Amino acid sequence: MFENLSERLERSFKLLKGEGRITEINVAETLKDVRRALLDADVNYKIAKKFTDTVKEKALGQNVLTSVKPSQLMVKIVHDELTALMGGATAEINLKGSPAVILMAGLQGSGKTTFSGKLAHMLKSKKGKNPLLAACDVYRPAAIEQLRILGELTGVPVYFEHWNNNPVEIALHAIAEAKKTGKDLVIVDTAGRLAVDEQMMQEIAAIKNAVHPNEILFVVDAMTGQDAVNTAKEFNDRLDFDGVVLTKLDGDTRGGAALSIRAIVNKPVKFTGTGEKMDALDVFHPKRMANRILGMGDIVSFVERAQEQYDDEEAKRIRRKLANNQFDFNDFMGQIQQIKKMGNLKDLASMIPGVSRMMRNMDVNENAFKNIESIIHSMTPDERGNPAMLNGSRRQRIAKGSGTSIQDVNKLIKQFDNARKMMRMITTSTGNKQMPVFKR
């Protein structure tokens, strides 16, 4: 996400490198390039112009310290203004109510149903909520089934009425069911259309007036660029929603919707969807996003994802096995699985300061662990538990069984041995206290 914008902004700041001080001439040249970069990223023209005018005013109004280069000061000002443009502070979701009711709105294909499932999963696992999903899209044949499947994946019950074509009644009945069964949250998935029309607007407004939601979230496909912003304005004029959800942000290299939408509708972006998996949902942090746009990484989000997979009891078990030289391929596979659960590898790399620049033109293979997993799965239980028994003939059999070469098998075993030695050294040097280990 934002790869093209990040690269263009980086080139823009290079125009100031080597300059001894900020002047109106060199600032104008730099910001002209910044404005082009924003427009290419599908940012609204008026917003891009206002943004660069503000940056120019602040840059010319500052005295540059001798220890600070003009390009560094410009990056700082642009960072602060990007953060402000996207809302400044992180916006919380309103979960008050008994039960709390969250209403989804948006066009067909924006990802409302998938997001409803993801949000239920997030609030259940991270906030301890007990949600109920309400299937109120009575027009799309697969909508109820899709939500039911998502409910099964996340362990969240789904309320639906196949016989009822009245979404207002279904939503009210779902809330009554939640009260009866002790659920403290109802997430109402609604119907969309291919374009904004009066019937859809009247229906979603009727549901709003009937259920009095604590939170209305407008779900929009980030890949639609400025169309997303225009649609958001139309929905907000009718619904006065509380926040925006940008889905498919992992597939959008421009990101103009994320930068423009707050300024147009004056409502915060609250969540971003970054993949199809149920845990591919992030709270939107304007400052962290500004860091990533400017190639500074987002180490806080990286650590948070790692902490979600961290388990203290598992860590103690692994440390004991390392201390006794008993760490095996079962343990190795467990750690790989948890790294994969942290998310898209390229997305993770972009969170580490400096790494995103190095990997910008590199293809990150999401199946990087596929050969490793195939090789380990081709071992017998005894071989996984006792790597020392992997002689030449066993390695040949494993290579054939996994569809890899003997060189691949040998390489993995060598990597495993090196990793085990390194982890044991870290465990020994830290007194068995500091080595993080992921949950199984």
Protein backbone atom coordinates (compact mmCIF):
# COMPACT_ATOMS: atom_id res chain seq x y z
CA MET A 1 0.00 0.00 0.00
CA PHE A 2 1.14 3.55 -0.79
CA GLU A 3 4.29 2.22 -2.52
CA ASN A 4 4.10 4.64 -5.45
CA LEU A 5 3.30 7.60 -3.20
CA SER A 6 6.15 6.76 -0.83
CA GLU A 7 8.61 6.53 -3.72
CA ARG A 8 7.43 9.81 -5.27
CA LEU A 9 7.62 11.69 -1.96
CA GLU A 10 11.09 10.36 -1.33
CA ARG A 11 12.19 11.70 -4.74
CA SER A 12 10.57 15.06 -3.96
CA PHE A 13 12.54 15.49 -0.75
CA LYS A 14 15.78 14.78 -2.62
CA LEU A 15 15.29 18.10 -4.39
CA LEU A 16 16.18 19.79 -1.09
CA LYS A 17 19.22 17.62 -0.35
CA GLY A 18 22.41 19.59 -0.58
CA GLU A 19 20.55 22.87 -0.02
CA GLY A 20 21.93 24.94 2.82
CA ARG A 21 18.66 26.60 3.71
CA ILE A 22 14.98 26.67 2.86
CA THR A 23 13.98 29.34 0.36
CA GLU A 24 10.72 30.12 -1.41
CA ILE A 25 12.23 28.88 -4.67
CA ASN A 26 13.45 25.46 -3.55
CA VAL A 27 10.35 24.87 -1.39
CA ALA A 28 8.08 25.69 -4.33
CA GLU A 29 9.95 23.21 -6.54
CA THR A 30 9.78 20.47 -3.91
CA LEU A 31 6.11 20.99 -3.15
CA LYS A 32 5.19 21.08 -6.82
CA ASP A 33 6.55 17.55 -7.01
CA VAL A 34 4.78 16.59 -3.76
CA ARG A 35 1.47 17.86 -5.17
CA ARG A 36 1.96 15.79 -8.34
CA ALA A 37 2.69 12.74 -6.19
CA LEU A 38 -0.53 13.25 -4.22
CA LEU A 39 -2.59 13.72 -7.39
CA ASP A 40 -1.07 10.56 -8.90
CA ALA A 41 -2.10 8.79 -5.68
CA ASP A 42 -5.70 9.85 -6.49
CA VAL A 43 -5.92 12.50 -3.78
CA ASN A 44 -8.59 15.15 -4.44
CA TYR A 45 -7.04 18.18 -6.22
CA LYS A 46 -8.36 20.77 -3.74
CA ILE A 47 -7.08 18.73 -0.81
CA ALA A 48 -3.66 18.24 -2.44
CA LYS A 49 -3.35 21.99 -3.11
CA LYS A 50 -4.47 22.97 0.38
CA PHE A 51 -2.05 20.42 1.84
CA THR A 52 0.99 21.73 -0.06
CA ASP A 53 0.01 25.38 0.64
CA THR A 54 -0.07 24.61 4.37
CA VAL A 55 3.29 22.81 4.22
CA LYS A 56 4.82 25.74 2.30
CA GLU A 57 3.53 28.25 4.83
CA LYS A 58 4.94 26.27 7.75
CA ALA A 59 8.27 25.56 6.03
CA LEU A 60 8.94 29.20 5.15
CA GLY A 61 7.94 30.28 8.63
CA GLN A 62 10.58 28.16 10.36
CA ASN A 63 14.21 28.85 11.03
CA VAL A 64 16.31 25.83 10.16
CA LEU A 65 18.71 24.84 12.93
CA THR A 66 22.28 24.26 11.81
CA SER A 67 21.98 20.65 13.00
CA VAL A 68 18.86 20.04 10.89
CA LYS A 69 19.00 19.79 7.11
CA PRO A 70 16.23 21.47 5.06
CA SER A 71 15.13 18.09 3.65
CA GLN A 72 14.80 16.69 7.18
CA LEU A 73 12.68 19.64 8.27
CA MET A 74 10.45 19.24 5.21
CA VAL A 75 9.92 15.53 5.99
CA LYS A 76 8.95 16.48 9.55
CA ILE A 77 6.43 19.11 8.37
CA VAL A 78 4.94 16.78 5.71
CA HIS A 79 4.69 13.99 8.29
CA ASP A 80 2.81 16.21 10.73
CA GLU A 81 0.45 17.47 8.02
CA LEU A 82 -0.21 13.95 6.66
CA THR A 83 -1.10 12.85 10.19
CA ALA A 84 -3.45 15.83 10.58
CA LEU A 85 -4.98 15.22 7.13
CA MET A 86 -5.87 11.64 8.11
CA GLY A 87 -7.46 12.72 11.39
CA GLY A 88 -4.61 13.20 13.84
CA ALA A 89 -5.68 10.91 16.68
CA THR A 90 -6.86 7.30 16.53
CA ALA A 91 -10.68 7.13 16.63
CA GLU A 92 -12.29 4.65 19.00
CA ILE A 93 -15.39 2.59 18.24
CA ASN A 94 -18.47 3.12 20.44
CA LEU A 95 -19.39 -0.14 22.19
CA LYS A 96 -21.74 1.27 24.82
CA GLY A 97 -25.22 -0.17 25.00
CA SER A 98 -26.95 -3.32 26.12
CA PRO A 99 -26.52 -4.66 23.57
CA ALA A 100 -24.37 -2.24 21.58
CA VAL A 101 -25.51 -2.07 17.94
CA ILE A 102 -23.15 -1.48 15.01
CA LEU A 103 -24.75 -0.80 11.63
CA MET A 104 -22.85 -1.43 8.38
CA ALA A 105 -23.45 0.66 5.28
CA GLY A 106 -21.89 0.75 1.82
CA LEU A 107 -22.19 -0.29 -1.79
CA GLN A 108 -22.40 -3.89 -2.99
CA GLY A 109 -18.93 -5.38 -3.36
CA SER A 110 -17.31 -3.01 -0.86
CA GLY A 111 -16.66 -5.84 1.59
CA LYS A 112 -19.36 -5.16 4.23
CA THR A 113 -20.14 -8.81 4.93
CA THR A 114 -16.50 -9.88 5.21
CA PHE A 115 -15.72 -6.87 7.39
CA SER A 116 -18.70 -7.69 9.64
CA GLY A 117 -17.18 -11.12 10.27
CA LYS A 118 -13.70 -9.68 10.84
CA LEU A 119 -14.99 -7.05 13.27
CA ALA A 120 -16.95 -9.64 15.24
CA HIS A 121 -13.78 -11.75 15.45
CA MET A 122 -11.63 -8.79 16.54
CA LEU A 123 -14.05 -7.55 19.22
CA LYS A 124 -14.59 -11.06 20.52
CA SER A 125 -10.90 -11.99 20.74
CA LYS A 126 -9.42 -8.62 21.76
CA LYS A 127 -12.22 -6.84 23.64
CA GLY A 128 -13.93 -9.85 25.20
CA LYS A 129 -17.27 -9.02 23.56
CA ASN A 130 -19.99 -11.60 22.97
CA PRO A 131 -21.31 -10.63 19.50
CA LEU A 132 -24.23 -11.65 17.32
CA LEU A 133 -24.15 -11.12 13.55
CA ALA A 134 -27.44 -10.07 11.93
CA ALA A 135 -27.95 -10.96 8.25
CA CYS A 136 -30.12 -8.13 6.87
CA ASP A 137 -29.13 -8.32 3.20
CA VAL A 138 -32.31 -9.90 1.83
CA TYR A 139 -31.50 -9.30 -1.86
CA ARG A 140 -28.19 -10.99 -2.55
CA PRO A 141 -28.81 -14.77 -2.51
CA ALA A 142 -25.38 -15.68 -1.15
CA ALA A 143 -25.21 -12.93 1.49
CA ILE A 144 -26.80 -14.92 4.33
CA GLU A 145 -24.76 -18.01 3.53
CA GLN A 146 -21.54 -15.97 3.36
CA LEU A 147 -22.21 -14.45 6.78
CA ARG A 148 -23.13 -17.85 8.20
CA ILE A 149 -19.81 -19.31 7.01
CA LEU A 150 -17.90 -16.37 8.48
CA GLY A 151 -19.77 -16.92 11.74
CA GLU A 152 -18.66 -20.55 11.80
CA LEU A 153 -15.04 -19.53 11.14
CA THR A 154 -15.04 -17.05 14.01
CA GLY A 155 -17.31 -18.88 16.43
CA VAL A 156 -19.89 -16.07 16.30
CA PRO A 157 -23.62 -16.92 15.96
CA VAL A 158 -25.56 -15.47 13.02
CA TYR A 159 -29.21 -14.42 13.19
CA PHE A 160 -31.15 -14.73 9.92
CA GLU A 161 -34.73 -15.26 8.70
CA HIS A 162 -34.90 -16.94 5.29
CA TRP A 163 -38.66 -16.40 5.14
CA ASN A 164 -38.57 -12.65 5.88
CA ASN A 165 -37.83 -9.97 3.25
CA ASN A 166 -38.09 -7.06 5.67
CA PRO A 167 -34.59 -6.04 6.84
CA VAL A 168 -35.94 -3.68 9.50
CA GLU A 169 -37.87 -6.51 11.16
CA ILE A 170 -34.87 -8.86 10.94
CA ALA A 171 -32.62 -6.28 12.61
CA LEU A 172 -35.13 -5.72 15.43
CA HIS A 173 -35.60 -9.46 15.92
CA ALA A 174 -31.79 -9.91 16.03
CA ILE A 175 -31.51 -7.35 18.84
CA ALA A 176 -34.32 -9.09 20.73
CA GLU A 177 -32.48 -12.41 20.27
CA ALA A 178 -29.25 -10.84 21.56
CA LYS A 179 -31.01 -9.63 24.72
CA LYS A 180 -32.60 -13.05 25.25
CA THR A 181 -29.32 -14.95 24.83
CA GLY A 182 -27.04 -12.56 26.73
CA LYS A 183 -25.17 -11.13 23.74
CA ASP A 184 -23.67 -7.67 24.37
CA LEU A 185 -23.09 -6.67 20.73
CA VAL A 186 -25.11 -6.90 17.50
CA ILE A 187 -23.41 -6.24 14.16
CA VAL A 188 -26.00 -5.56 11.44
CA ASP A 189 -24.91 -6.41 7.88
CA THR A 190 -27.07 -4.56 5.34
CA ALA A 191 -27.71 -4.71 1.60
CA GLY A 192 -25.86 -2.60 -0.93
CA ARG A 193 -26.30 -1.72 -4.59
CA LEU A 194 -23.87 -1.31 -7.45
CA ALA A 195 -24.42 2.45 -7.22
CA VAL A 196 -26.10 4.86 -4.83
CA ASP A 197 -29.89 4.83 -5.30
CA GLU A 198 -32.91 6.15 -3.42
CA GLN A 199 -34.33 2.74 -2.47
CA MET A 200 -31.11 1.65 -0.78
CA MET A 201 -30.81 4.96 1.06
CA GLN A 202 -34.39 4.78 2.32
CA GLU A 203 -33.89 1.21 3.51
CA ILE A 204 -30.66 1.85 5.43
CA ALA A 205 -32.19 5.02 6.93
CA ALA A 206 -35.25 2.97 8.06
CA ILE A 207 -32.99 0.42 9.76
CA LYS A 208 -31.07 3.23 11.46
CA ASN A 209 -34.27 4.83 12.76
CA ALA A 210 -35.57 1.47 14.03
CA VAL A 211 -32.51 0.10 15.82
CA HIS A 212 -30.83 3.36 16.94
CA PRO A 213 -27.27 2.09 16.44
CA ASN A 214 -24.44 3.16 18.73
CA GLU A 215 -22.13 3.18 15.73
CA ILE A 216 -22.66 3.44 11.97
CA LEU A 217 -19.66 2.37 9.89
CA PHE A 218 -19.42 3.17 6.20
CA VAL A 219 -17.49 0.41 4.41
CA VAL A 220 -15.75 1.36 1.17
CA ASP A 221 -13.37 -0.32 -1.27
CA ALA A 222 -10.12 1.69 -1.15
CA MET A 223 -9.24 0.62 -4.69
CA THR A 224 -12.05 2.76 -6.11
CA GLY A 225 -10.04 5.91 -5.32
CA GLN A 226 -11.94 9.20 -5.57
CA ASP A 227 -15.19 7.34 -6.29
CA ALA A 228 -14.89 6.03 -2.73
CA VAL A 229 -14.71 9.58 -1.41
CA ASN A 230 -17.69 10.75 -3.47
CA THR A 231 -19.79 7.77 -2.35
CA ALA A 232 -18.82 8.42 1.28
CA LYS A 233 -20.12 11.99 0.99
CA GLU A 234 -23.49 10.82 -0.37
CA PHE A 235 -23.92 8.25 2.40
CA ASN A 236 -22.84 10.70 5.08
CA ASP A 237 -25.33 13.32 3.89
CA ARG A 238 -28.13 10.79 4.47
CA LEU A 239 -26.87 8.72 7.41
CA ASP A 240 -24.41 10.94 9.28
CA PHE A 241 -22.24 7.88 9.91
CA ASP A 242 -19.61 7.69 12.67
CA GLY A 243 -16.60 6.30 10.87
CA VAL A 244 -15.12 4.84 7.70
CA VAL A 245 -13.74 1.38 6.99
CA LEU A 246 -11.31 1.10 4.06
CA THR A 247 -11.20 -2.45 2.69
CA LYS A 248 -8.70 -3.94 0.20
CA LEU A 249 -6.06 -1.42 1.19
CA ASP A 250 -3.43 -4.12 0.64
CA GLY A 251 -4.28 -4.12 -3.08
CA ASP A 252 -4.16 -0.34 -3.57
CA THR A 253 -0.78 1.21 -4.39
CA ARG A 254 -2.24 4.74 -4.54
CA GLY A 255 -4.18 5.18 -1.31
CA GLY A 256 -5.81 8.48 -2.22
CA ALA A 257 -9.08 7.50 -0.51
CA ALA A 258 -7.32 7.07 2.84
CA LEU A 259 -5.77 10.53 2.52
CA SER A 260 -8.84 12.37 1.20
CA ILE A 261 -11.86 10.89 2.92
CA ARG A 262 -11.44 12.56 6.34
CA ALA A 263 -11.12 16.01 4.78
CA ILE A 264 -14.23 15.54 2.61
CA VAL A 265 -16.71 14.05 5.10
CA ASN A 266 -15.04 15.08 8.37
CA LYS A 267 -15.42 11.56 9.72
CA PRO A 268 -12.48 9.40 10.86
CA VAL A 269 -11.17 6.27 9.23
CA LYS A 270 -11.50 3.67 12.00
CA PHE A 271 -10.42 0.38 10.40
CA THR A 272 -8.55 -0.89 7.37
CA GLY A 273 -8.86 -4.33 5.79
CA THR A 274 -5.59 -5.77 4.53
CA GLY A 275 -6.47 -9.26 3.30
CA GLU A 276 -9.05 -12.03 3.19
CA LYS A 277 -8.19 -13.77 6.47
CA MET A 278 -10.36 -13.11 9.50
CA ASP A 279 -7.51 -11.46 11.39
CA ALA A 280 -6.54 -9.20 8.44
CA LEU A 281 -8.11 -6.14 10.04
CA ASP A 282 -6.25 -3.19 11.56
CA VAL A 283 -7.29 -0.23 13.67
CA PHE A 284 -6.40 2.90 11.68
CA HIS A 285 -3.67 5.02 13.31
CA PRO A 286 -3.05 8.26 11.35
CA LYS A 287 0.44 8.84 12.75
CA ARG A 288 1.57 5.28 12.07
CA MET A 289 0.17 5.46 8.54
CA ALA A 290 2.06 8.72 7.94
CA ASN A 291 5.22 6.94 9.10
CA ARG A 292 4.67 4.18 6.57
CA ILE A 293 3.87 6.57 3.72
CA LEU A 294 7.17 8.36 4.35
CA GLY A 295 9.13 5.10 4.57
CA MET A 296 9.72 5.34 8.32
CA GLY A 297 8.11 2.00 9.08
CA ASP A 298 5.63 1.21 11.84
CA ILE A 299 7.50 -0.70 14.49
CA VAL A 300 4.72 -0.19 17.08
CA SER A 301 2.18 -2.09 14.95
CA PHE A 302 4.80 -4.76 14.23
CA VAL A 303 5.41 -5.31 17.96
CA GLU A 304 1.65 -5.34 18.65
CA ARG A 305 1.13 -8.09 16.08
CA ALA A 306 3.99 -10.08 17.58
CA GLN A 307 2.59 -9.65 21.10
CA GLU A 308 -0.79 -11.00 19.97
CA GLN A 309 0.95 -14.28 19.14
CA TYR A 310 3.17 -14.34 22.23
CA ASP A 311 2.46 -16.92 24.91
CA ASP A 312 4.40 -17.00 28.18
CA GLU A 313 3.74 -20.67 28.99
CA GLU A 314 4.82 -21.74 25.50
CA ALA A 315 7.94 -19.60 25.90
CA LYS A 316 8.87 -21.42 29.11
CA ARG A 317 8.36 -24.80 27.43
CA ILE A 318 10.54 -23.87 24.44
CA ARG A 319 13.27 -22.47 26.72
CA ARG A 320 13.39 -25.73 28.67
CA LYS A 321 13.69 -27.71 25.42
CA LEU A 322 16.46 -25.41 24.17
CA ALA A 323 18.36 -25.66 27.45
CA ASN A 324 18.23 -29.47 27.19
CA ASN A 325 19.01 -29.44 23.44
CA GLN A 326 15.57 -30.95 22.71
CA PHE A 327 14.19 -28.27 20.35
CA ASP A 328 12.85 -30.22 17.35
CA PHE A 329 11.07 -29.78 14.01
CA ASN A 330 7.64 -29.82 15.69
CA ASP A 331 8.66 -26.72 17.67
CA PHE A 332 10.23 -25.17 14.57
CA MET A 333 7.01 -25.67 12.59
CA GLY A 334 4.95 -24.17 15.42
CA GLN A 335 6.98 -20.95 15.32
CA ILE A 336 6.66 -20.72 11.52
CA GLN A 337 2.87 -21.04 11.74
CA GLN A 338 2.67 -18.14 14.20
CA ILE A 339 4.89 -15.89 12.08
CA LYS A 340 2.49 -16.54 9.18
CA LYS A 341 -0.44 -15.55 11.38
CA MET A 342 1.10 -12.11 11.89
CA GLY A 343 0.05 -11.26 8.33
CA ASN A 344 1.26 -10.55 4.82
CA LEU A 345 5.08 -10.80 4.70
CA LYS A 346 5.56 -7.68 2.56
CA ASP A 347 3.20 -5.76 4.83
CA LEU A 348 5.21 -6.88 7.87
CA ALA A 349 8.48 -5.88 6.15
CA SER A 350 7.08 -2.40 5.45
CA MET A 351 6.59 -1.90 9.20
CA ILE A 352 10.31 -2.22 9.91
CA PRO A 353 12.13 1.12 9.46
CA GLY A 354 14.43 1.06 6.44
CA VAL A 355 13.36 -2.38 5.25
CA SER A 356 10.46 -1.09 3.14
CA ARG A 357 12.87 0.91 0.95
CA MET A 358 15.15 -2.08 0.44
CA MET A 359 12.24 -4.34 -0.51
CA ARG A 360 10.36 -1.84 -2.68
CA ASN A 361 11.28 -3.49 -5.99
CA MET A 362 11.54 -7.03 -4.63
CA ASP A 363 8.88 -9.70 -5.02
CA VAL A 364 8.06 -11.14 -1.61
CA ASN A 365 6.86 -14.69 -2.08
CA GLU A 366 3.91 -15.32 0.22
CA ASN A 367 4.64 -19.04 -0.20
CA ALA A 368 8.16 -18.61 1.19
CA PHE A 369 7.49 -21.23 3.88
CA LYS A 370 5.79 -23.69 1.52
CA ASN A 371 8.89 -25.81 0.81
CA ILE A 372 9.88 -25.81 4.47
CA GLU A 373 6.43 -27.02 5.52
CA SER A 374 6.39 -29.67 2.78
CA ILE A 375 9.75 -31.02 3.89
CA ILE A 376 8.80 -31.14 7.58
CA HIS A 377 5.42 -32.76 6.80
CA SER A 378 7.25 -35.44 4.81
CA MET A 379 9.20 -36.48 7.92
CA THR A 380 7.90 -39.22 10.17
CA PRO A 381 6.83 -38.25 13.73
CA ASP A 382 10.04 -39.83 15.04
CA GLU A 383 12.17 -37.81 12.60
CA ARG A 384 10.47 -34.54 13.51
CA GLY A 385 11.04 -35.26 17.19
CA ASN A 386 14.63 -36.46 16.77
CA PRO A 387 16.43 -34.52 13.97
CA ALA A 388 19.70 -36.36 14.68
CA MET A 389 18.35 -39.50 12.99
CA LEU A 390 18.07 -37.78 9.57
CA ASN A 391 20.77 -39.71 7.67
CA GLY A 392 21.35 -39.71 3.92
CA SER A 393 18.71 -42.28 2.94
CA ARG A 394 16.06 -40.63 5.11
CA ARG A 395 16.83 -37.25 3.53
CA GLN A 396 16.45 -38.70 0.03
CA ARG A 397 13.06 -40.15 0.96
CA ILE A 398 11.94 -36.82 2.45
CA ALA A 399 13.04 -34.96 -0.71
CA LYS A 400 10.97 -37.29 -2.91
CA GLY A 401 7.97 -37.12 -0.60
CA SER A 402 8.00 -33.31 -0.46
CA GLY A 403 8.65 -32.74 -4.16
CA THR A 404 11.92 -30.95 -3.38
CA SER A 405 15.61 -31.73 -3.96
CA ILE A 406 18.10 -33.30 -1.58
CA GLN A 407 19.87 -29.91 -1.59
CA ASP A 408 16.67 -28.25 -0.29
CA VAL A 409 16.40 -30.80 2.51
CA ASN A 410 20.06 -30.40 3.47
CA LYS A 411 19.71 -26.61 3.41
CA LEU A 412 16.69 -26.71 5.73
CA ILE A 413 18.39 -29.04 8.20
CA LYS A 414 21.44 -26.75 8.25
CA GLN A 415 19.22 -23.69 8.79
CA PHE A 416 17.40 -25.53 11.58
CA ASP A 417 20.68 -26.44 13.29
CA ASN A 418 21.95 -22.87 13.05
CA ALA A 419 18.67 -21.45 14.36
CA ARG A 420 18.67 -23.90 17.26
CA LYS A 421 22.26 -22.98 18.20
CA MET A 422 21.54 -19.28 18.01
CA MET A 423 18.35 -19.56 20.08
CA ARG A 424 20.16 -21.64 22.67
CA MET A 425 22.94 -19.05 22.90
CA ILE A 426 20.37 -16.25 23.38
CA THR A 427 18.54 -18.28 26.02
CA THR A 428 21.78 -18.99 27.88
CA SER A 429 23.07 -15.41 27.71
CA THR A 430 19.77 -13.91 28.93
CA GLY A 431 19.35 -16.33 31.79
CA ASN A 432 16.29 -17.98 30.24
CA LYS A 433 14.25 -14.78 30.63
CA GLN A 434 14.09 -12.68 27.51
CA MET A 435 13.59 -14.80 24.41
CA PRO A 436 10.10 -14.25 22.93
CA VAL A 437 8.23 -17.29 21.72
CA PHE A 438 4.95 -17.31 19.80
CA LYS A 439 1.75 -19.09 20.74
CA ARG A 440 1.00 -22.47 19.27
